[in-house]
Amino acid sequence: MSYRIRCYFSLTVQDDILSLPTTLAARYVVLTRRMEAVGPNLGEPHTKSIGQGLLELRLKGAEGIARVFFCMQVGRQIVMLHSFVKKTDRIPARELDVAIARMKEVRHEES
């Protein structure tokens, strides 16, 4: 059974993801196609749980490293919440806060 991927409420998130440097955007396309076929748990180094239902898609390419936060919704839906180019070893608090706030909105939408 296949999964459906959508972006948080608007095309802004999709535009942000696709405007990542070329190799990172290409990696996103490859991994999301795999997620549609087999589900969100691709395992490390491709996906990782952040906790409380928030997960990250881990992109690595010639131009660097990026992360795309996502969560699951009822009905085999994967919702892409936020993306950023990673410049340090740790996830910046601001980036994590944006993803968590968006995940809460998505969860509120479900109820």
PDB file of N, CA and C in Angstrom:
ATOM      1  N   MET A   1       0.837  -1.181   0.000  1.00  0.00           N
ATOM      2  CA  MET A   1       0.000   0.000   0.000  1.00  0.00           C
ATOM      3  C   MET A   1       0.885   1.249   0.000  1.00  0.00           C
ATOM      4  N   SER A   2       0.539   2.232  -0.792  1.00  0.00           N
ATOM      5  CA  SER A   2       1.405   3.391  -0.937  1.00  0.00           C
ATOM      6  C   SER A   2       1.042   4.520   0.038  1.00  0.00           C
ATOM      7  N   TYR A   3       1.972   5.422   0.206  1.00  0.00           N
ATOM      8  CA  TYR A   3       1.820   6.586   1.068  1.00  0.00           C
ATOM      9  C   TYR A   3       1.679   7.830   0.200  1.00  0.00           C
ATOM     10  N   ARG A   4       1.080   8.857   0.771  1.00  0.00           N
ATOM     11  CA  ARG A   4       0.905  10.127   0.064  1.00  0.00           C
ATOM     12  C   ARG A   4       1.711  11.192   0.792  1.00  0.00           C
ATOM     13  N   ILE A   5       2.451  11.986   0.039  1.00  0.00           N
ATOM     14  CA  ILE A   5       3.243  13.063   0.629  1.00  0.00           C
ATOM     15  C   ILE A   5       2.606  14.394   0.263  1.00  0.00           C
ATOM     16  N   ARG A   6       2.449  15.238   1.273  1.00  0.00           N
ATOM     17  CA  ARG A   6       1.964  16.591   1.037  1.00  0.00           C
ATOM     18  C   ARG A   6       2.784  17.558   1.871  1.00  0.00           C
ATOM     19  N   CYS A   7       2.703  18.817   1.516  1.00  0.00           N
ATOM     20  CA  CYS A   7       3.447  19.850   2.239  1.00  0.00           C
ATOM     21  C   CYS A   7       2.507  20.635   3.134  1.00  0.00           C
ATOM     22  N   TYR A   8       3.047  21.111   4.225  1.00  0.00           N
ATOM     23  CA  TYR A   8       2.316  21.876   5.219  1.00  0.00           C
ATOM     24  C   TYR A   8       1.552  23.031   4.586  1.00  0.00           C
ATOM     25  N   PHE A   9       0.244  22.969   4.595  1.00  0.00           N
ATOM     26  CA  PHE A   9      -0.731  23.994   4.228  1.00  0.00           C
ATOM     27  C   PHE A   9      -0.507  24.809   2.963  1.00  0.00           C
ATOM     28  N   SER A  10       0.684  24.923   2.457  1.00  0.00           N
ATOM     29  CA  SER A  10       0.877  25.802   1.295  1.00  0.00           C
ATOM     30  C   SER A  10       2.030  25.296   0.444  1.00  0.00           C
ATOM     31  N   LEU A  11       2.199  25.955  -0.666  1.00  0.00           N
ATOM     32  CA  LEU A  11       3.305  25.606  -1.553  1.00  0.00           C
ATOM     33  C   LEU A  11       4.626  26.178  -1.081  1.00  0.00           C
ATOM     34  N   THR A  12       4.605  27.041  -0.070  1.00  0.00           N
ATOM     35  CA  THR A  12       5.836  27.659   0.418  1.00  0.00           C
ATOM     36  C   THR A  12       6.855  26.611   0.850  1.00  0.00           C
ATOM     37  N   VAL A  13       6.420  25.616   1.602  1.00  0.00           N
ATOM     38  CA  VAL A  13       7.334  24.567   2.068  1.00  0.00           C
ATOM     39  C   VAL A  13       7.891  23.800   0.874  1.00  0.00           C
ATOM     40  N   GLN A  14       7.024  23.466  -0.073  1.00  0.00           N
ATOM     41  CA  GLN A  14       7.484  22.752  -1.270  1.00  0.00           C
ATOM     42  C   GLN A  14       8.484  23.594  -2.047  1.00  0.00           C
ATOM     43  N   ASP A  15       8.213  24.877  -2.201  1.00  0.00           N
ATOM     44  CA  ASP A  15       9.136  25.775  -2.906  1.00  0.00           C
ATOM     45  C   ASP A  15      10.474  25.864  -2.181  1.00  0.00           C
ATOM     46  N   ASP A  16      10.428  25.946  -0.844  1.00  0.00           N
ATOM     47  CA  ASP A  16      11.666  25.992  -0.053  1.00  0.00           C
ATOM     48  C   ASP A  16      12.494  24.728  -0.262  1.00  0.00           C
ATOM     49  N   ILE A  17      11.825  23.587  -0.268  1.00  0.00           N
ATOM     50  CA  ILE A  17      12.531  22.310  -0.444  1.00  0.00           C
ATOM     51  C   ILE A  17      13.152  22.232  -1.834  1.00  0.00           C
ATOM     52  N   LEU A  18      12.364  22.580  -2.844  1.00  0.00           N
ATOM     53  CA  LEU A  18      12.865  22.462  -4.210  1.00  0.00           C
ATOM     54  C   LEU A  18      13.873  23.547  -4.574  1.00  0.00           C
ATOM     55  N   SER A  19      13.979  24.592  -3.738  1.00  0.00           N
ATOM     56  CA  SER A  19      14.996  25.607  -3.984  1.00  0.00           C
ATOM     57  C   SER A  19      16.302  25.313  -3.230  1.00  0.00           C
ATOM     58  N   LEU A  20      16.360  24.158  -2.579  1.00  0.00           N
ATOM     59  CA  LEU A  20      17.616  23.733  -1.958  1.00  0.00           C
ATOM     60  C   LEU A  20      18.657  23.564  -3.065  1.00  0.00           C
ATOM     61  N   PRO A  21      19.934  23.591  -2.721  1.00  0.00           N
ATOM     62  CA  PRO A  21      20.962  23.334  -3.736  1.00  0.00           C
ATOM     63  C   PRO A  21      20.658  22.050  -4.525  1.00  0.00           C
ATOM     64  N   THR A  22      21.084  22.007  -5.754  1.00  0.00           N
ATOM     65  CA  THR A  22      20.699  20.973  -6.723  1.00  0.00           C
ATOM     66  C   THR A  22      20.816  19.546  -6.206  1.00  0.00           C
ATOM     67  N   THR A  23      21.954  19.160  -5.658  1.00  0.00           N
ATOM     68  CA  THR A  23      22.099  17.759  -5.239  1.00  0.00           C
ATOM     69  C   THR A  23      21.206  17.436  -4.045  1.00  0.00           C
ATOM     70  N   LEU A  24      20.939  18.422  -3.193  1.00  0.00           N
ATOM     71  CA  LEU A  24      20.062  18.196  -2.042  1.00  0.00           C
ATOM     72  C   LEU A  24      18.609  18.054  -2.492  1.00  0.00           C
ATOM     73  N   ALA A  25      18.177  18.894  -3.423  1.00  0.00           N
ATOM     74  CA  ALA A  25      16.812  18.792  -3.956  1.00  0.00           C
ATOM     75  C   ALA A  25      16.626  17.463  -4.688  1.00  0.00           C
ATOM     76  N   ALA A  26      17.646  17.043  -5.431  1.00  0.00           N
ATOM     77  CA  ALA A  26      17.578  15.760  -6.144  1.00  0.00           C
ATOM     78  C   ALA A  26      17.478  14.605  -5.143  1.00  0.00           C
ATOM     79  N   ARG A  27      18.234  14.689  -4.071  1.00  0.00           N
ATOM     80  CA  ARG A  27      18.196  13.643  -3.042  1.00  0.00           C
ATOM     81  C   ARG A  27      16.814  13.588  -2.393  1.00  0.00           C
ATOM     82  N   TYR A  28      16.211  14.757  -2.181  1.00  0.00           N
ATOM     83  CA  TYR A  28      14.856  14.833  -1.637  1.00  0.00           C
ATOM     84  C   TYR A  28      13.881  14.078  -2.540  1.00  0.00           C
ATOM     85  N   VAL A  29      13.962  14.317  -3.835  1.00  0.00           N
ATOM     86  CA  VAL A  29      13.054  13.668  -4.781  1.00  0.00           C
ATOM     87  C   VAL A  29      13.225  12.149  -4.728  1.00  0.00           C
ATOM     88  N   VAL A  30      14.457  11.684  -4.725  1.00  0.00           N
ATOM     89  CA  VAL A  30      14.725  10.240  -4.680  1.00  0.00           C
ATOM     90  C   VAL A  30      14.170   9.617  -3.403  1.00  0.00           C
ATOM     91  N   LEU A  31      14.450  10.247  -2.267  1.00  0.00           N
ATOM     92  CA  LEU A  31      14.022   9.666  -0.994  1.00  0.00           C
ATOM     93  C   LEU A  31      12.510   9.730  -0.803  1.00  0.00           C
ATOM     94  N   THR A  32      11.869  10.802  -1.259  1.00  0.00           N
ATOM     95  CA  THR A  32      10.413  10.878  -1.095  1.00  0.00           C
ATOM     96  C   THR A  32       9.698   9.878  -2.005  1.00  0.00           C
ATOM     97  N   ARG A  33      10.260   9.592  -3.156  1.00  0.00           N
ATOM     98  CA  ARG A  33       9.672   8.537  -3.995  1.00  0.00           C
ATOM     99  C   ARG A  33       9.740   7.193  -3.275  1.00  0.00           C
ATOM    100  N   ARG A  34      10.852   6.957  -2.611  1.00  0.00           N
ATOM    101  CA  ARG A  34      10.989   5.716  -1.845  1.00  0.00           C
ATOM    102  C   ARG A  34      10.000   5.694  -0.672  1.00  0.00           C
ATOM    103  N   MET A  35       9.826   6.848  -0.015  1.00  0.00           N
ATOM    104  CA  MET A  35       8.882   6.944   1.100  1.00  0.00           C
ATOM    105  C   MET A  35       7.449   6.679   0.638  1.00  0.00           C
ATOM    106  N   GLU A  36       7.097   7.153  -0.538  1.00  0.00           N
ATOM    107  CA  GLU A  36       5.758   6.912  -1.071  1.00  0.00           C
ATOM    108  C   GLU A  36       5.511   5.422  -1.272  1.00  0.00           C
ATOM    109  N   ALA A  37       6.549   4.707  -1.642  1.00  0.00           N
ATOM    110  CA  ALA A  37       6.416   3.271  -1.911  1.00  0.00           C
ATOM    111  C   ALA A  37       6.454   2.418  -0.645  1.00  0.00           C
ATOM    112  N   VAL A  38       7.389   2.720   0.275  1.00  0.00           N
ATOM    113  CA  VAL A  38       7.588   1.830   1.421  1.00  0.00           C
ATOM    114  C   VAL A  38       7.264   2.449   2.778  1.00  0.00           C
ATOM    115  N   GLY A  39       6.992   3.740   2.806  1.00  0.00           N
ATOM    116  CA  GLY A  39       6.664   4.399   4.067  1.00  0.00           C
ATOM    117  C   GLY A  39       7.775   5.292   4.569  1.00  0.00           C
ATOM    118  N   PRO A  40       7.512   5.980   5.668  1.00  0.00           N
ATOM    119  CA  PRO A  40       8.432   7.009   6.146  1.00  0.00           C
ATOM    120  C   PRO A  40       9.679   6.494   6.854  1.00  0.00           C
ATOM    121  N   ASN A  41       9.668   5.268   7.302  1.00  0.00           N
ATOM    122  CA  ASN A  41      10.811   4.770   8.062  1.00  0.00           C
ATOM    123  C   ASN A  41      11.841   4.135   7.128  1.00  0.00           C
ATOM    124  N   LEU A  42      12.694   4.984   6.569  1.00  0.00           N
ATOM    125  CA  LEU A  42      13.757   4.482   5.698  1.00  0.00           C
ATOM    126  C   LEU A  42      14.982   4.081   6.506  1.00  0.00           C
ATOM    127  N   GLY A  43      15.005   4.446   7.768  1.00  0.00           N
ATOM    128  CA  GLY A  43      16.134   4.144   8.636  1.00  0.00           C
ATOM    129  C   GLY A  43      17.293   5.096   8.404  1.00  0.00           C
ATOM    130  N   GLU A  44      18.205   5.091   9.364  1.00  0.00           N
ATOM    131  CA  GLU A  44      19.383   5.952   9.223  1.00  0.00           C
ATOM    132  C   GLU A  44      20.267   5.403   8.125  1.00  0.00           C
ATOM    133  N   PRO A  45      20.895   6.220   7.360  1.00  0.00           N
ATOM    134  CA  PRO A  45      21.080   7.660   7.520  1.00  0.00           C
ATOM    135  C   PRO A  45      20.019   8.508   6.833  1.00  0.00           C
ATOM    136  N   HIS A  46      18.944   7.910   6.320  1.00  0.00           N
ATOM    137  CA  HIS A  46      17.974   8.668   5.530  1.00  0.00           C
ATOM    138  C   HIS A  46      16.904   9.364   6.365  1.00  0.00           C
ATOM    139  N   THR A  47      16.368   8.676   7.369  1.00  0.00           N
ATOM    140  CA  THR A  47      15.363   9.270   8.236  1.00  0.00           C
ATOM    141  C   THR A  47      15.718   8.994   9.689  1.00  0.00           C
ATOM    142  N   LYS A  48      15.229   9.878  10.556  1.00  0.00           N
ATOM    143  CA  LYS A  48      15.488   9.708  11.981  1.00  0.00           C
ATOM    144  C   LYS A  48      14.343  10.347  12.760  1.00  0.00           C
ATOM    145  N   SER A  49      13.947   9.704  13.847  1.00  0.00           N
ATOM    146  CA  SER A  49      12.915  10.250  14.717  1.00  0.00           C
ATOM    147  C   SER A  49      13.529  11.310  15.625  1.00  0.00           C
ATOM    148  N   ILE A  50      12.852  12.454  15.713  1.00  0.00           N
ATOM    149  CA  ILE A  50      13.279  13.522  16.622  1.00  0.00           C
ATOM    150  C   ILE A  50      12.567  13.354  17.954  1.00  0.00           C
ATOM    151  N   GLY A  51      11.384  12.753  17.918  1.00  0.00           N
ATOM    152  CA  GLY A  51      10.588  12.525  19.124  1.00  0.00           C
ATOM    153  C   GLY A  51       9.222  13.168  19.010  1.00  0.00           C
ATOM    154  N   GLN A  52       8.269  12.659  19.772  1.00  0.00           N
ATOM    155  CA  GLN A  52       6.898  13.162  19.829  1.00  0.00           C
ATOM    156  C   GLN A  52       6.217  13.185  18.466  1.00  0.00           C
ATOM    157  N   GLY A  53       6.593  12.271  17.588  1.00  0.00           N
ATOM    158  CA  GLY A  53       5.974  12.180  16.275  1.00  0.00           C
ATOM    159  C   GLY A  53       6.640  13.000  15.189  1.00  0.00           C
ATOM    160  N   LEU A  54       7.669  13.754  15.541  1.00  0.00           N
ATOM    161  CA  LEU A  54       8.403  14.557  14.562  1.00  0.00           C
ATOM    162  C   LEU A  54       9.585  13.731  14.045  1.00  0.00           C
ATOM    163  N   LEU A  55       9.730  13.709  12.722  1.00  0.00           N
ATOM    164  CA  LEU A  55      10.824  12.967  12.095  1.00  0.00           C
ATOM    165  C   LEU A  55      11.599  13.893  11.173  1.00  0.00           C
ATOM    166  N   GLU A  56      12.796  13.474  10.803  1.00  0.00           N
ATOM    167  CA  GLU A  56      13.574  14.269   9.861  1.00  0.00           C
ATOM    168  C   GLU A  56      14.039  13.409   8.703  1.00  0.00           C
ATOM    169  N   LEU A  57      13.967  13.999   7.524  1.00  0.00           N
ATOM    170  CA  LEU A  57      14.525  13.419   6.313  1.00  0.00           C
ATOM    171  C   LEU A  57      15.902  14.042   6.180  1.00  0.00           C
ATOM    172  N   ARG A  58      16.924  13.214   6.107  1.00  0.00           N
ATOM    173  CA  ARG A  58      18.306  13.689   6.149  1.00  0.00           C
ATOM    174  C   ARG A  58      18.897  13.665   4.748  1.00  0.00           C
ATOM    175  N   LEU A  59      19.183  14.848   4.239  1.00  0.00           N
ATOM    176  CA  LEU A  59      19.690  14.990   2.878  1.00  0.00           C
ATOM    177  C   LEU A  59      21.163  15.360   2.918  1.00  0.00           C
ATOM    178  N   LYS A  60      21.944  14.675   2.106  1.00  0.00           N
ATOM    179  CA  LYS A  60      23.371  14.960   2.016  1.00  0.00           C
ATOM    180  C   LYS A  60      23.753  14.980   0.547  1.00  0.00           C
ATOM    181  N   GLY A  61      24.479  16.017   0.147  1.00  0.00           N
ATOM    182  CA  GLY A  61      24.891  16.140  -1.243  1.00  0.00           C
ATOM    183  C   GLY A  61      26.196  16.897  -1.349  1.00  0.00           C
ATOM    184  N   ALA A  62      26.627  17.154  -2.562  1.00  0.00           N
ATOM    185  CA  ALA A  62      27.897  17.847  -2.798  1.00  0.00           C
ATOM    186  C   ALA A  62      27.909  19.244  -2.188  1.00  0.00           C
ATOM    187  N   GLU A  63      26.721  19.878  -2.120  1.00  0.00           N
ATOM    188  CA  GLU A  63      26.661  21.246  -1.592  1.00  0.00           C
ATOM    189  C   GLU A  63      26.510  21.313  -0.076  1.00  0.00           C
ATOM    190  N   GLY A  64      26.378  20.189   0.583  1.00  0.00           N
ATOM    191  CA  GLY A  64      26.254  20.204   2.040  1.00  0.00           C
ATOM    192  C   GLY A  64      25.191  19.263   2.552  1.00  0.00           C
ATOM    193  N   ILE A  65      24.577  19.675   3.656  1.00  0.00           N
ATOM    194  CA  ILE A  65      23.597  18.850   4.349  1.00  0.00           C
ATOM    195  C   ILE A  65      22.342  19.685   4.576  1.00  0.00           C
ATOM    196  N   ALA A  66      21.178  19.056   4.417  1.00  0.00           N
ATOM    197  CA  ALA A  66      19.908  19.721   4.707  1.00  0.00           C
ATOM    198  C   ALA A  66      19.016  18.738   5.455  1.00  0.00           C
ATOM    199  N   ARG A  67      18.040  19.292   6.122  1.00  0.00           N
ATOM    200  CA  ARG A  67      17.055  18.491   6.826  1.00  0.00           C
ATOM    201  C   ARG A  67      15.665  18.953   6.424  1.00  0.00           C
ATOM    202  N   VAL A  68      14.742  17.995   6.342  1.00  0.00           N
ATOM    203  CA  VAL A  68      13.334  18.292   6.109  1.00  0.00           C
ATOM    204  C   VAL A  68      12.568  17.591   7.222  1.00  0.00           C
ATOM    205  N   PHE A  69      11.900  18.385   8.057  1.00  0.00           N
ATOM    206  CA  PHE A  69      11.096  17.814   9.132  1.00  0.00           C
ATOM    207  C   PHE A  69       9.745  17.387   8.573  1.00  0.00           C
ATOM    208  N   PHE A  70       9.242  16.260   9.081  1.00  0.00           N
ATOM    209  CA  PHE A  70       7.929  15.794   8.649  1.00  0.00           C
ATOM    210  C   PHE A  70       7.249  15.033   9.776  1.00  0.00           C
ATOM    211  N   CYS A  71       5.942  14.816   9.603  1.00  0.00           N
ATOM    212  CA  CYS A  71       5.179  14.004  10.544  1.00  0.00           C
ATOM    213  C   CYS A  71       4.190  13.156   9.757  1.00  0.00           C
ATOM    214  N   MET A  72       3.556  12.250  10.446  1.00  0.00           N
ATOM    215  CA  MET A  72       2.569  11.368   9.822  1.00  0.00           C
ATOM    216  C   MET A  72       1.176  11.831  10.202  1.00  0.00           C
ATOM    217  N   GLN A  73       0.241  11.622   9.274  1.00  0.00           N
ATOM    218  CA  GLN A  73      -1.164  11.879   9.517  1.00  0.00           C
ATOM    219  C   GLN A  73      -1.934  10.603   9.261  1.00  0.00           C
ATOM    220  N   VAL A  74      -3.138  10.535   9.793  1.00  0.00           N
ATOM    221  CA  VAL A  74      -4.000   9.381   9.576  1.00  0.00           C
ATOM    222  C   VAL A  74      -4.193   9.184   8.080  1.00  0.00           C
ATOM    223  N   GLY A  75      -4.254   7.946   7.660  1.00  0.00           N
ATOM    224  CA  GLY A  75      -4.501   7.646   6.256  1.00  0.00           C
ATOM    225  C   GLY A  75      -3.246   7.593   5.408  1.00  0.00           C
ATOM    226  N   ARG A  76      -2.139   7.200   6.018  1.00  0.00           N
ATOM    227  CA  ARG A  76      -0.876   7.036   5.281  1.00  0.00           C
ATOM    228  C   ARG A  76      -0.434   8.312   4.573  1.00  0.00           C
ATOM    229  N   GLN A  77      -0.562   9.431   5.275  1.00  0.00           N
ATOM    230  CA  GLN A  77      -0.112  10.708   4.736  1.00  0.00           C
ATOM    231  C   GLN A  77       1.137  11.159   5.469  1.00  0.00           C
ATOM    232  N   ILE A  78       2.119  11.574   4.700  1.00  0.00           N
ATOM    233  CA  ILE A  78       3.354  12.133   5.228  1.00  0.00           C
ATOM    234  C   ILE A  78       3.297  13.628   4.947  1.00  0.00           C
ATOM    235  N   VAL A  79       3.449  14.438   5.994  1.00  0.00           N
ATOM    236  CA  VAL A  79       3.339  15.884   5.836  1.00  0.00           C
ATOM    237  C   VAL A  79       4.715  16.519   6.047  1.00  0.00           C
ATOM    238  N   MET A  80       5.234  17.134   4.990  1.00  0.00           N
ATOM    239  CA  MET A  80       6.501  17.844   5.074  1.00  0.00           C
ATOM    240  C   MET A  80       6.243  19.201   5.729  1.00  0.00           C
ATOM    241  N   LEU A  81       6.978  19.499   6.796  1.00  0.00           N
ATOM    242  CA  LEU A  81       6.692  20.671   7.614  1.00  0.00           C
ATOM    243  C   LEU A  81       7.653  21.839   7.417  1.00  0.00           C
ATOM    244  N   HIS A  82       8.934  21.526   7.280  1.00  0.00           N
ATOM    245  CA  HIS A  82       9.934  22.608   7.271  1.00  0.00           C
ATOM    246  C   HIS A  82      11.271  22.051   6.778  1.00  0.00           C
ATOM    247  N   SER A  83      12.013  22.892   6.069  1.00  0.00           N
ATOM    248  CA  SER A  83      13.344  22.462   5.605  1.00  0.00           C
ATOM    249  C   SER A  83      14.360  23.555   5.892  1.00  0.00           C
ATOM    250  N   PHE A  84      15.608  23.141   6.008  1.00  0.00           N
ATOM    251  CA  PHE A  84      16.695  24.104   6.189  1.00  0.00           C
ATOM    252  C   PHE A  84      18.020  23.447   5.824  1.00  0.00           C
ATOM    253  N   VAL A  85      18.985  24.269   5.458  1.00  0.00           N
ATOM    254  CA  VAL A  85      20.343  23.800   5.191  1.00  0.00           C
ATOM    255  C   VAL A  85      21.071  23.804   6.520  1.00  0.00           C
ATOM    256  N   LYS A  86      21.673  22.688   6.830  1.00  0.00           N
ATOM    257  CA  LYS A  86      22.338  22.507   8.122  1.00  0.00           C
ATOM    258  C   LYS A  86      23.779  23.013   8.060  1.00  0.00           C
ATOM    259  N   LYS A  87      24.124  23.857   9.030  1.00  0.00           N
ATOM    260  CA  LYS A  87      25.472  24.432   9.049  1.00  0.00           C
ATOM    261  C   LYS A  87      26.276  24.030  10.287  1.00  0.00           C
ATOM    262  N   THR A  88      25.598  23.447  11.282  1.00  0.00           N
ATOM    263  CA  THR A  88      26.272  23.014  12.504  1.00  0.00           C
ATOM    264  C   THR A  88      25.870  21.565  12.797  1.00  0.00           C
ATOM    265  N   ASP A  89      26.515  20.975  13.794  1.00  0.00           N
ATOM    266  CA  ASP A  89      26.192  19.597  14.162  1.00  0.00           C
ATOM    267  C   ASP A  89      24.818  19.475  14.817  1.00  0.00           C
ATOM    268  N   ARG A  90      24.419  20.501  15.522  1.00  0.00           N
ATOM    269  CA  ARG A  90      23.146  20.466  16.231  1.00  0.00           C
ATOM    270  C   ARG A  90      22.037  21.102  15.390  1.00  0.00           C
ATOM    271  N   ILE A  91      20.805  20.703  15.685  1.00  0.00           N
ATOM    272  CA  ILE A  91      19.647  21.320  15.022  1.00  0.00           C
ATOM    273  C   ILE A  91      19.398  22.663  15.703  1.00  0.00           C
ATOM    274  N   PRO A  92      19.392  23.753  14.943  1.00  0.00           N
ATOM    275  CA  PRO A  92      19.112  25.061  15.551  1.00  0.00           C
ATOM    276  C   PRO A  92      17.721  25.084  16.185  1.00  0.00           C
ATOM    277  N   ALA A  93      17.624  25.659  17.373  1.00  0.00           N
ATOM    278  CA  ALA A  93      16.358  25.692  18.112  1.00  0.00           C
ATOM    279  C   ALA A  93      15.255  26.363  17.299  1.00  0.00           C
ATOM    280  N   ARG A  94      15.571  27.402  16.571  1.00  0.00           N
ATOM    281  CA  ARG A  94      14.577  28.117  15.772  1.00  0.00           C
ATOM    282  C   ARG A  94      13.953  27.202  14.718  1.00  0.00           C
ATOM    283  N   GLU A  95      14.773  26.405  14.057  1.00  0.00           N
ATOM    284  CA  GLU A  95      14.284  25.491  13.023  1.00  0.00           C
ATOM    285  C   GLU A  95      13.381  24.420  13.635  1.00  0.00           C
ATOM    286  N   LEU A  96      13.793  23.910  14.773  1.00  0.00           N
ATOM    287  CA  LEU A  96      13.010  22.887  15.467  1.00  0.00           C
ATOM    288  C   LEU A  96      11.679  23.470  15.948  1.00  0.00           C
ATOM    289  N   ASP A  97      11.706  24.701  16.465  1.00  0.00           N
ATOM    290  CA  ASP A  97      10.480  25.352  16.938  1.00  0.00           C
ATOM    291  C   ASP A  97       9.466  25.535  15.809  1.00  0.00           C
ATOM    292  N   VAL A  98       9.941  25.913  14.625  1.00  0.00           N
ATOM    293  CA  VAL A  98       9.047  26.076  13.471  1.00  0.00           C
ATOM    294  C   VAL A  98       8.382  24.741  13.142  1.00  0.00           C
ATOM    295  N   ALA A  99       9.173  23.679  13.093  1.00  0.00           N
ATOM    296  CA  ALA A  99       8.638  22.352  12.751  1.00  0.00           C
ATOM    297  C   ALA A  99       7.627  21.875  13.789  1.00  0.00           C
ATOM    298  N   ILE A 100       7.926  22.068  15.065  1.00  0.00           N
ATOM    299  CA  ILE A 100       7.022  21.627  16.133  1.00  0.00           C
ATOM    300  C   ILE A 100       5.702  22.400  16.081  1.00  0.00           C
ATOM    301  N   ALA A 101       5.785  23.708  15.868  1.00  0.00           N
ATOM    302  CA  ALA A 101       4.564  24.519  15.777  1.00  0.00           C
ATOM    303  C   ALA A 101       3.698  24.073  14.600  1.00  0.00           C
ATOM    304  N   ARG A 102       4.323  23.800  13.476  1.00  0.00           N
ATOM    305  CA  ARG A 102       3.568  23.348  12.297  1.00  0.00           C
ATOM    306  C   ARG A 102       2.974  21.968  12.523  1.00  0.00           C
ATOM    307  N   MET A 103       3.713  21.092  13.200  1.00  0.00           N
ATOM    308  CA  MET A 103       3.194  19.759  13.488  1.00  0.00           C
ATOM    309  C   MET A 103       1.962  19.858  14.386  1.00  0.00           C
ATOM    310  N   LYS A 104       1.999  20.760  15.360  1.00  0.00           N
ATOM    311  CA  LYS A 104       0.841  20.946  16.240  1.00  0.00           C
ATOM    312  C   LYS A 104      -0.369  21.417  15.442  1.00  0.00           C
ATOM    313  N   GLU A 105      -0.155  22.305  14.480  1.00  0.00           N
ATOM    314  CA  GLU A 105      -1.257  22.772  13.637  1.00  0.00           C
ATOM    315  C   GLU A 105      -1.837  21.623  12.812  1.00  0.00           C
ATOM    316  N   VAL A 106      -0.963  20.792  12.267  1.00  0.00           N
ATOM    317  CA  VAL A 106      -1.412  19.645  11.465  1.00  0.00           C
ATOM    318  C   VAL A 106      -2.213  18.690  12.349  1.00  0.00           C
ATOM    319  N   ARG A 107      -1.742  18.433  13.539  1.00  0.00           N
ATOM    320  CA  ARG A 107      -2.440  17.531  14.461  1.00  0.00           C
ATOM    321  C   ARG A 107      -3.790  18.116  14.879  1.00  0.00           C
ATOM    322  N   HIS A 108      -3.832  19.438  15.072  1.00  0.00           N
ATOM    323  CA  HIS A 108      -5.085  20.111  15.426  1.00  0.00           C
ATOM    324  C   HIS A 108      -6.093  20.000  14.278  1.00  0.00           C
ATOM    325  N   GLU A 109      -5.575  20.073  13.070  1.00  0.00           N
ATOM    326  CA  GLU A 109      -6.407  19.950  11.865  1.00  0.00           C
ATOM    327  C   GLU A 109      -7.069  18.587  11.800  1.00  0.00           C
ATOM    328  N   GLU A 110      -6.371  17.536  12.302  1.00  0.00           N
ATOM    329  CA  GLU A 110      -6.905  16.173  12.280  1.00  0.00           C
ATOM    330  C   GLU A 110      -8.100  15.991  13.205  1.00  0.00           C
ATOM    331  N   SER A 111      -8.087  16.706  14.347  1.00  0.00           N
ATOM    332  CA  SER A 111      -9.137  16.471  15.355  1.00  0.00           C
ATOM    333  C   SER A 111     -10.383  17.270  15.127  1.00  0.00           C
TER     334      SER A 111
END
